[in-house]
Protein backbone atom coordinates (compact mmCIF):
# COMPACT_ATOMS: atom_id res chain seq x y z
CA MET A 1 -71.53 -100.91 112.35
CA SER A 2 -70.57 -104.13 110.41
CA THR A 3 -67.21 -104.39 108.33
CA SER A 4 -69.05 -104.66 105.27
CA GLU A 5 -70.87 -101.70 106.16
CA LYS A 6 -67.69 -99.42 107.09
CA TYR A 7 -66.32 -100.85 103.63
CA ALA A 8 -69.16 -99.70 101.76
CA HIS A 9 -68.94 -96.41 103.71
CA SER A 10 -65.36 -95.95 102.90
CA LEU A 11 -66.00 -96.65 99.17
CA LYS A 12 -68.81 -94.07 99.00
CA GLN A 13 -66.42 -91.54 100.75
CA ILE A 14 -63.75 -92.35 98.42
CA LYS A 15 -66.04 -91.87 95.35
CA GLU A 16 -67.34 -88.90 96.67
CA ASP A 17 -63.67 -87.32 97.32
CA GLU A 18 -62.72 -88.37 93.64
CA GLU A 19 -65.70 -86.96 92.40
CA LYS A 20 -64.87 -83.54 94.23
CA ALA A 21 -61.45 -83.77 93.17
CA GLN A 22 -62.55 -84.15 89.57
CA ARG A 23 -64.68 -81.05 89.96
CA GLU A 24 -61.90 -79.12 91.22
CA ILE A 25 -59.50 -80.44 88.32
CA ASP A 26 -62.35 -79.21 85.93
CA GLU A 27 -62.62 -76.01 87.32
CA GLN A 28 -58.81 -75.68 87.12
CA LYS A 29 -58.62 -76.69 83.53
CA LYS A 30 -61.38 -74.40 82.59
CA LYS A 31 -59.85 -71.40 84.58
CA VAL A 32 -56.45 -72.26 82.86
CA ALA A 33 -58.10 -72.33 79.39
CA GLU A 34 -59.64 -68.80 80.12
CA GLU A 35 -56.78 -67.61 80.74
CA PHE A 36 -54.43 -69.06 77.98
CA LYS A 37 -57.19 -67.57 75.64
CA ASN A 38 -57.09 -63.99 77.12
CA PHE A 39 -53.32 -64.26 76.81
CA GLU A 40 -53.62 -65.27 73.07
CA THR A 41 -55.88 -62.41 72.67
CA TYR A 42 -53.42 -60.18 74.57
CA ALA A 43 -50.40 -61.45 72.57
CA ALA A 44 -52.05 -60.90 69.08
CA LYS A 45 -53.24 -57.37 70.16
CA THR A 46 -49.59 -56.21 71.17
CA ILE A 47 -48.21 -58.26 67.73
CA ALA A 48 -50.54 -56.19 65.68
CA THR A 49 -49.88 -53.06 67.58
CA ALA A 50 -45.98 -53.58 67.01
CA LYS A 51 -46.48 -54.04 63.76
CA THR A 52 -48.54 -51.13 62.95
CA ASP A 53 -46.03 -49.07 64.95
CA GLY A 54 -43.16 -50.41 63.19
CA GLU A 55 -44.70 -49.52 59.87
CA LYS A 56 -45.17 -45.99 60.84
CA LEU A 57 -41.85 -45.68 62.04
CA VAL A 58 -40.64 -47.04 58.46
CA GLU A 59 -43.05 -44.83 56.67
CA THR A 60 -41.59 -41.51 59.02
CA SER A 61 -38.02 -42.79 58.52
CA ILE A 62 -38.46 -43.12 54.89
CA GLU A 63 -40.12 -39.65 54.38
CA GLN A 64 -37.28 -37.94 56.59
CA ILE A 65 -34.75 -39.57 54.45
CA ARG A 66 -36.44 -38.72 51.30
CA LYS A 67 -36.78 -35.09 52.47
CA LYS A 68 -33.13 -35.06 53.31
CA ALA A 69 -32.06 -36.28 50.21
CA ASN A 70 -34.21 -33.69 48.01
CA ASP A 71 -32.72 -31.11 50.23
CA GLU A 72 -29.13 -32.16 49.54
CA THR A 73 -30.22 -32.65 45.71
CA GLU A 74 -31.46 -29.08 45.51
CA LYS A 75 -28.33 -27.64 47.40
CA ILE A 76 -26.03 -29.86 44.99
CA ILE A 77 -28.22 -28.43 41.87
CA GLU A 78 -27.85 -24.81 43.46
CA ASP A 79 -24.27 -25.17 44.01
CA ALA A 80 -23.87 -26.52 40.19
CA LYS A 81 -25.63 -23.69 39.15
CA ASN A 82 -23.63 -21.31 40.85
CA LYS A 83 -20.59 -22.97 39.86
CA SER A 84 -21.61 -23.07 36.34
CA TYR A 85 -22.34 -19.43 36.21
CA THR A 86 -19.06 -18.54 37.45
CA ILE A 87 -17.20 -20.99 34.99
CA SER A 88 -19.52 -19.48 32.20
CA THR A 89 -18.10 -15.89 33.47
CA ARG A 90 -14.53 -17.19 33.64
CA ILE A 91 -14.63 -18.60 30.25
CA ASP A 92 -16.50 -15.46 28.67
CA ALA A 93 -13.75 -13.24 30.13
CA GLN A 94 -10.98 -15.63 28.91
CA THR A 95 -12.68 -15.45 25.75
CA VAL A 96 -12.83 -12.03 25.38
CA ARG A 97 -9.25 -11.61 26.30
CA GLU A 98 -8.03 -13.98 23.82
CA ILE A 99 -9.92 -12.15 21.32
CA ILE A 100 -8.62 -8.82 22.24
CA GLU A 101 -4.88 -10.49 21.96
CA ILE A 102 -5.93 -11.94 18.66
CA LEU A 103 -7.17 -8.34 17.33
CA LEU A 104 -4.37 -6.48 18.64
CA LYS A 105 -1.64 -8.71 17.48
CA GLU A 106 -3.26 -7.77 13.89
CA VAL A 107 -2.90 -4.28 14.78
């Protein structure tokens, strides 16, 4: 084989190697792009799930707080009713005593 043939053969071999390397690079790019696309999909689904779970948690917390507040309000109202009955009874008894004292003074 002459030098020019060896040179041509070397150039051909280099060209084939370059093409093979480019195919491998293209395949790797395609694989990475697919993995990135899958990751984006996974991340979007995870974010949506987390958002939904967070909203449910907030709704549940609000409902629990609302129920607790209503229970406390009802307890306060019931206590106020009981106290008002007691106070009105005291006032009525006191008023009765005062009336009796006024009536007895005049006798």
